Amino acid sequence: MTQTKILFATDVHGGETFFGKILSVAKSFKVNILMISGDLTGKAIVPIVKGDDGRYFTNFFGVSYNVREDELAELENKIRKVGYYFFTCNFKEYEDFKAEPKKVEELFRKVIEDTLKNWTEKIEQILPADMRVIMNPGNDDDFAVDEVLKNSKRLEYTLERTVDLDDLHQMVSCEWVNPTPWNSPRECSEPELERRLRAEMGRVSNMSNLVCDFHTPPYNTTLDLAPKLNKNMQPKLMLGQPQYDHVGSKSVRKIFQEYQPLLGLHGHIHESASKCKIGRTICINPGSEYNEGIMHGYVITLSPTEVDLQPVIGG
C-alpha cells in the first residue's frame, strides 16, 4: 500500500446541488473512494397543484408560487436544490393525499427510492468505474433506503460489517444516534447505542488502523455543538445570539477512549464543522449547508504512517 485517498461528505439531505458538487470534487481530486455517509434523503415533499387554468400553485418556505407551465422546471429545480422533493398533481389528487396520510408516506418512500436510483445513474455517468462509492444512511433516513443501497451494483453499503478500505485500514459503521428532539427513525438510548457500537468494534481485531464511520459525533467536543432549543423548538437566544450545547454521544466518546481507533468520521451536527482528538483517535465532522448548496467535505489521505486531512468547503 502507498496511500488511499477518500472524499468524505455527510448530511446531504437530498440536496441536489450539494450532491452534484460532491461528485465534481471526487472526480477532480481523483480520490480512490467516495464516501457519502449519513442522512442521504430530504425531509419533505412539496405538492405542486395544477389548477383548472393550467397554472401551477405551491407554497415553499413561506413563499407562494403561481407559475406557468414553461416556468415549472425552474420551480422544481429550486425545490430540489435545497433537498426537498416535489409532487405534481391536480386538486383532487392533492385532496386525496391530504385525506390519507398513508398514501403520503408511500409516495415519500417512492420519491426517495427514485432519487437514490437517479443519483446512482449520475455516479455511473460522472465518476470513473474504478472509484469505489460507499453510501450509508443516517438517523433521519427511512429504512426503505437500505434496500435501495443494498440492491445497487455500483454502491457499497457498509453497515453491520467490516470493510477493507485498503490492505491496511479497515472500517466499521453505525448510523444510529443518541436521542434527539426530532424523534428520527434511527435514534436510541445511550446504553443501546453503546451496545451497537461494541458489536461493531467486536468485528475488528486490530484497532490501530481502524476507521469508524459513526454518524453521531463524540460528546463534549468541537464536533457536537448545536443550538439550544426552547419548547417551541426554536433556538434560545442570549443578547440576540444563539446559545449552544453539546449534543453528541457519550457512548461514542466512551468507545473511542477505550479502543483508541485511528479515525472517527462523523456528521449529524451540521453547525459543528471541526476536527479534534480523543487520545490518539482523530475525529472529524465536515458539517453541512445542504440547503444552501455549499460543499462541505474532507479529503482524507491514508498512508501506512499518517493521516492527512484536507477540508473542502465552499462553492
Protein backbone atom coordinates (compact mmCIF):
# COMPACT_ATOMS: atom_id res chain seq x y z
CA MET A 1 0.00 0.00 0.00
CA THR A 2 1.18 3.55 -0.78
CA GLN A 3 -1.81 5.70 0.06
CA THR A 4 -5.61 5.75 -0.19
CA LYS A 5 -7.44 8.99 -0.90
CA ILE A 6 -11.05 9.32 0.33
CA LEU A 7 -13.60 12.11 -0.07
CA PHE A 8 -15.91 12.05 2.96
CA ALA A 9 -19.17 14.04 2.97
CA THR A 10 -22.28 13.71 5.07
CA ASP A 11 -25.76 15.11 5.71
CA VAL A 12 -26.69 15.66 2.07
CA HIS A 13 -30.41 15.57 3.00
CA GLY A 14 -31.47 15.21 -0.61
CA GLY A 15 -29.75 18.41 -1.72
CA GLU A 16 -29.27 18.15 -5.46
CA THR A 17 -26.71 20.96 -5.69
CA PHE A 18 -24.64 19.61 -2.78
CA PHE A 19 -24.70 16.13 -4.29
CA GLY A 20 -23.56 17.43 -7.68
CA LYS A 21 -20.65 19.26 -6.06
CA ILE A 22 -19.63 16.13 -4.17
CA LEU A 23 -19.34 14.24 -7.45
CA SER A 24 -17.40 17.10 -9.04
CA VAL A 25 -14.90 17.26 -6.14
CA ALA A 26 -14.47 13.48 -6.07
CA LYS A 27 -13.66 13.49 -9.78
CA SER A 28 -11.32 16.49 -9.69
CA PHE A 29 -9.36 15.20 -6.67
CA LYS A 30 -9.16 11.72 -8.26
CA VAL A 31 -10.00 10.00 -4.99
CA ASN A 32 -9.93 6.23 -4.63
CA ILE A 33 -13.10 6.17 -2.53
CA LEU A 34 -16.09 8.50 -2.35
CA MET A 35 -17.92 8.10 0.95
CA ILE A 36 -21.32 9.76 1.45
CA SER A 37 -22.46 8.67 4.85
CA GLY A 38 -25.45 9.74 6.93
CA ASP A 39 -28.77 11.45 6.22
CA LEU A 40 -28.98 10.97 2.48
CA THR A 41 -32.62 11.86 1.95
CA GLY A 42 -34.75 15.02 2.02
CA LYS A 43 -37.15 15.97 4.76
CA ALA A 44 -40.46 16.56 2.95
CA ILE A 45 -42.47 16.62 -0.28
CA VAL A 46 -43.73 19.91 -1.67
CA PRO A 47 -47.01 19.44 -3.59
CA ILE A 48 -47.34 21.44 -6.79
CA VAL A 49 -51.02 21.66 -7.73
CA LYS A 50 -52.16 22.22 -11.31
CA GLY A 51 -55.21 24.49 -11.47
CA ASP A 52 -58.04 24.45 -13.99
CA ASP A 53 -56.43 27.42 -15.76
CA GLY A 54 -53.29 25.39 -16.45
CA ARG A 55 -51.13 27.28 -13.94
CA TYR A 56 -49.27 25.60 -11.08
CA PHE A 57 -49.55 26.57 -7.42
CA THR A 58 -47.48 25.80 -4.33
CA ASN A 59 -46.16 27.28 -1.10
CA PHE A 60 -42.50 26.71 -0.36
CA PHE A 61 -40.59 28.10 2.64
CA GLY A 62 -43.45 30.51 3.27
CA VAL A 63 -43.46 31.87 -0.29
CA SER A 64 -46.47 31.31 -2.58
CA TYR A 65 -45.81 30.47 -6.21
CA ASN A 66 -48.21 30.72 -9.17
CA VAL A 67 -46.35 29.78 -12.35
CA ARG A 68 -46.98 28.95 -15.98
CA GLU A 69 -46.08 25.55 -17.39
CA ASP A 70 -42.95 26.95 -19.03
CA GLU A 71 -41.81 28.18 -15.58
CA LEU A 72 -42.47 24.85 -13.87
CA ALA A 73 -38.99 23.36 -14.37
CA GLU A 74 -37.37 26.37 -12.69
CA LEU A 75 -39.66 25.94 -9.66
CA GLU A 76 -38.93 22.21 -9.49
CA ASN A 77 -35.18 22.87 -9.60
CA LYS A 78 -35.50 25.43 -6.81
CA ILE A 79 -37.23 22.84 -4.63
CA ARG A 80 -34.73 20.07 -5.37
CA LYS A 81 -31.71 22.34 -4.93
CA VAL A 82 -32.34 22.60 -1.18
CA GLY A 83 -33.15 18.93 -0.65
CA TYR A 84 -36.94 18.87 -0.78
CA TYR A 85 -38.93 16.73 -3.20
CA PHE A 86 -41.87 17.81 -5.34
CA PHE A 87 -45.02 16.06 -6.47
CA THR A 88 -47.15 17.48 -9.27
CA CYS A 89 -50.87 16.70 -9.08
CA ASN A 90 -54.32 18.11 -9.72
CA PHE A 91 -56.54 19.48 -6.96
CA LYS A 92 -58.50 16.23 -6.48
CA GLU A 93 -55.28 14.19 -6.12
CA TYR A 94 -54.00 16.76 -3.63
CA GLU A 95 -57.15 16.45 -1.50
CA ASP A 96 -56.98 12.65 -1.67
CA PHE A 97 -53.41 12.67 -0.38
CA LYS A 98 -54.32 15.07 2.42
CA ALA A 99 -57.12 12.73 3.49
CA GLU A 100 -54.91 9.61 3.55
CA PRO A 101 -51.58 10.08 5.38
CA LYS A 102 -50.56 6.52 4.49
CA LYS A 103 -50.60 7.46 0.80
CA VAL A 104 -48.28 10.36 1.55
CA GLU A 105 -45.86 8.02 3.35
CA GLU A 106 -45.90 5.62 0.39
CA LEU A 107 -45.32 8.48 -2.05
CA PHE A 108 -42.47 9.81 0.09
CA ARG A 109 -40.74 6.43 0.08
CA LYS A 110 -41.17 6.11 -3.69
CA VAL A 111 -39.74 9.57 -4.33
CA ILE A 112 -36.77 8.79 -2.08
CA GLU A 113 -36.11 5.49 -3.86
CA ASP A 114 -36.40 7.11 -7.29
CA THR A 115 -34.00 9.90 -6.28
CA LEU A 116 -31.37 7.47 -4.96
CA LYS A 117 -31.61 5.46 -8.18
CA ASN A 118 -31.19 8.68 -10.16
CA TRP A 119 -28.15 9.60 -8.07
CA THR A 120 -26.65 6.18 -8.78
CA GLU A 121 -27.09 6.81 -12.51
CA LYS A 122 -25.28 10.14 -12.15
CA ILE A 123 -22.46 8.42 -10.29
CA GLU A 124 -22.14 5.95 -13.18
CA GLN A 125 -22.10 8.80 -15.72
CA ILE A 126 -19.66 11.13 -13.93
CA LEU A 127 -17.23 9.06 -11.86
CA PRO A 128 -14.66 6.57 -13.15
CA ALA A 129 -15.66 2.93 -12.91
CA ASP A 130 -12.73 2.10 -10.63
CA MET A 131 -13.67 4.71 -8.00
CA ARG A 132 -15.35 2.99 -5.07
CA VAL A 133 -18.52 4.65 -3.78
CA ILE A 134 -19.66 3.94 -0.22
CA MET A 135 -23.10 5.24 0.67
CA ASN A 136 -24.75 4.70 4.06
CA PRO A 137 -27.94 6.08 5.63
CA GLY A 138 -28.15 8.17 8.80
CA ASN A 139 -30.61 8.62 11.63
CA ASP A 140 -33.04 10.69 9.53
CA ASP A 141 -33.34 8.14 6.73
CA ASP A 142 -36.31 5.83 6.35
CA PHE A 143 -35.44 2.11 6.45
CA ALA A 144 -36.64 1.80 2.84
CA VAL A 145 -33.36 3.47 1.87
CA ASP A 146 -31.34 0.43 2.92
CA GLU A 147 -32.86 -1.90 0.34
CA VAL A 148 -32.12 0.54 -2.48
CA LEU A 149 -28.49 0.80 -1.37
CA LYS A 150 -28.10 -2.94 -0.82
CA ASN A 151 -29.52 -3.75 -4.25
CA SER A 152 -27.24 -1.34 -6.10
CA LYS A 153 -24.41 -2.92 -8.08
CA ARG A 154 -22.45 0.35 -8.02
CA LEU A 155 -22.72 1.38 -4.37
CA GLU A 156 -21.15 -0.22 -1.30
CA TYR A 157 -23.39 -0.44 1.76
CA THR A 158 -21.14 -0.99 4.77
CA LEU A 159 -23.46 -1.22 7.78
CA GLU A 160 -23.09 -4.19 10.14
CA ARG A 161 -19.90 -5.50 8.56
CA THR A 162 -16.19 -4.80 8.36
CA VAL A 163 -14.91 -3.23 5.15
CA ASP A 164 -11.34 -3.08 3.86
CA LEU A 165 -10.59 0.46 2.69
CA ASP A 166 -7.19 -0.84 1.56
CA ASP A 167 -4.82 -3.60 2.65
CA LEU A 168 -4.08 -1.83 5.95
CA HIS A 169 -7.17 0.13 7.02
CA GLN A 170 -10.50 -1.43 7.94
CA MET A 171 -13.76 0.39 8.63
CA VAL A 172 -16.89 -0.26 10.70
CA SER A 173 -20.02 1.87 10.57
CA CYS A 174 -23.03 2.81 12.69
CA GLU A 175 -25.81 5.15 11.60
CA TRP A 176 -27.72 5.19 14.92
CA VAL A 177 -27.55 8.26 17.18
CA ASN A 178 -28.36 9.17 20.78
CA PRO A 179 -31.82 10.72 21.43
CA THR A 180 -32.72 13.96 19.62
CA PRO A 181 -35.70 16.35 19.86
CA TRP A 182 -36.83 15.19 16.41
CA ASN A 183 -37.72 11.53 17.08
CA SER A 184 -35.92 10.35 13.95
CA PRO A 185 -36.10 6.73 12.73
CA ARG A 186 -32.65 5.63 13.94
CA GLU A 187 -32.09 7.01 17.40
CA CYS A 188 -31.89 5.12 20.66
CA SER A 189 -30.81 5.38 24.28
CA GLU A 190 -27.12 5.71 25.11
CA PRO A 191 -26.97 2.16 26.57
CA GLU A 192 -28.49 0.75 23.38
CA LEU A 193 -26.13 2.81 21.24
CA GLU A 194 -23.15 1.59 23.27
CA ARG A 195 -24.29 -1.99 22.67
CA ARG A 196 -24.45 -1.34 18.92
CA LEU A 197 -21.01 0.30 18.89
CA ARG A 198 -19.42 -2.54 20.87
CA ALA A 199 -20.88 -5.01 18.38
CA GLU A 200 -19.10 -3.12 15.59
CA MET A 201 -15.81 -2.98 17.47
CA GLY A 202 -16.13 -6.72 18.11
CA ARG A 203 -15.81 -7.34 14.37
CA VAL A 204 -12.23 -5.99 14.37
CA SER A 205 -9.01 -7.48 15.72
CA ASN A 206 -6.60 -4.59 15.02
CA MET A 207 -7.72 -1.16 16.31
CA SER A 208 -4.57 0.76 15.44
CA ASN A 209 -5.58 1.38 11.80
CA LEU A 210 -9.36 1.25 12.24
CA VAL A 211 -11.67 3.88 10.73
CA CYS A 212 -15.05 4.31 12.48
CA ASP A 213 -17.88 5.75 10.41
CA PHE A 214 -20.18 6.68 13.33
CA HIS A 215 -22.78 9.25 12.31
CA THR A 216 -23.13 10.89 15.72
CA PRO A 217 -20.00 12.67 17.00
CA PRO A 218 -18.47 12.12 20.44
CA TYR A 219 -19.88 14.17 23.30
CA ASN A 220 -18.23 17.34 24.61
CA THR A 221 -16.03 18.14 21.61
CA THR A 222 -15.92 20.82 18.93
CA LEU A 223 -17.88 18.40 16.70
CA ASP A 224 -21.14 18.29 18.67
CA LEU A 225 -22.18 21.87 19.42
CA ALA A 226 -25.77 22.63 18.39
CA PRO A 227 -28.16 25.48 19.27
CA LYS A 228 -30.18 25.03 22.46
CA LEU A 229 -33.91 24.83 21.69
CA ASN A 230 -36.91 26.22 23.57
CA LYS A 231 -40.25 24.43 23.99
CA ASN A 232 -41.28 25.65 20.51
CA MET A 233 -38.15 24.04 19.02
CA GLN A 234 -36.67 27.44 18.25
CA PRO A 235 -33.07 28.43 19.17
CA LYS A 236 -32.64 30.00 22.59
CA LEU A 237 -31.02 33.44 22.37
CA MET A 238 -28.89 35.46 24.75
CA LEU A 239 -28.26 39.10 23.79
CA GLY A 240 -29.56 38.21 20.35
CA GLN A 241 -27.10 35.34 19.84
CA PRO A 242 -27.90 31.58 19.82
CA GLN A 243 -26.85 29.55 22.85
CA TYR A 244 -25.09 26.27 22.15
CA ASP A 245 -24.90 22.92 23.92
CA HIS A 246 -23.02 19.65 23.47
CA VAL A 247 -25.41 17.07 21.99
CA GLY A 248 -23.11 14.28 20.78
CA SER A 249 -22.94 10.77 22.13
CA LYS A 250 -21.32 9.84 25.43
CA SER A 251 -21.21 6.25 24.17
CA VAL A 252 -19.11 7.19 21.14
CA ARG A 253 -16.71 9.08 23.37
CA LYS A 254 -16.51 6.14 25.78
CA ILE A 255 -15.81 3.67 22.96
CA PHE A 256 -13.07 5.87 21.49
CA GLN A 257 -11.41 6.38 24.87
CA GLU A 258 -11.41 2.62 25.42
CA TYR A 259 -10.46 1.27 21.98
CA GLN A 260 -8.47 4.20 20.50
CA PRO A 261 -9.13 3.59 16.78
CA LEU A 262 -7.23 5.63 14.21
CA LEU A 263 -10.02 7.82 12.83
CA GLY A 264 -13.65 8.74 13.57
CA LEU A 265 -15.86 10.01 10.72
CA HIS A 266 -18.94 11.90 11.90
CA GLY A 267 -21.70 14.27 10.84
CA HIS A 268 -25.20 14.79 12.27
CA ILE A 269 -24.48 18.23 13.79
CA HIS A 270 -24.45 20.50 10.76
CA GLU A 271 -23.15 23.57 12.60
CA SER A 272 -20.04 21.88 14.00
CA ALA A 273 -17.59 21.52 11.14
CA SER A 274 -14.39 20.75 13.00
CA LYS A 275 -11.79 18.18 13.99
CA CYS A 276 -10.46 17.07 17.37
CA LYS A 277 -8.59 14.23 19.07
CA ILE A 278 -9.67 11.83 21.79
CA GLY A 279 -6.40 10.31 22.87
CA ARG A 280 -4.82 9.11 19.62
CA THR A 281 -8.17 9.00 17.78
CA ILE A 282 -8.64 11.76 15.22
CA CYS A 283 -12.29 12.79 14.86
CA ILE A 284 -13.77 14.92 12.06
CA ASN A 285 -17.15 16.42 11.18
CA PRO A 286 -17.28 18.19 7.78
CA GLY A 287 -20.54 19.99 8.70
CA SER A 288 -23.34 20.62 6.23
CA GLU A 289 -25.02 23.54 4.49
CA TYR A 290 -27.03 21.32 2.15
CA ASN A 291 -29.91 23.83 1.96
CA GLU A 292 -27.50 26.46 0.61
CA GLY A 293 -25.86 24.06 -1.83
CA ILE A 294 -22.45 24.74 -0.27
CA MET A 295 -19.87 21.96 -0.48
CA HIS A 296 -18.61 20.51 2.81
CA GLY A 297 -16.24 17.56 2.95
CA TYR A 298 -12.82 16.22 3.85
CA VAL A 299 -10.26 14.71 1.51
CA ILE A 300 -8.63 12.07 3.71
CA THR A 301 -5.32 10.53 2.67
CA LEU A 302 -4.44 7.32 4.49
CA SER A 303 -0.87 6.07 4.37
CA PRO A 304 0.98 3.45 6.43
CA THR A 305 2.38 6.13 8.74
CA GLU A 306 -0.06 9.05 8.85
CA VAL A 307 -3.48 10.53 8.17
CA ASP A 308 -3.69 13.74 6.13
CA LEU A 309 -6.93 15.75 6.33
CA GLN A 310 -7.82 18.43 3.81
CA PRO A 311 -11.13 20.24 4.40
CA VAL A 312 -13.12 21.18 1.28
CA ILE A 313 -15.65 23.94 1.96
CA GLY A 314 -17.26 26.49 -0.33
CA GLY A 315 -18.82 26.89 -3.72
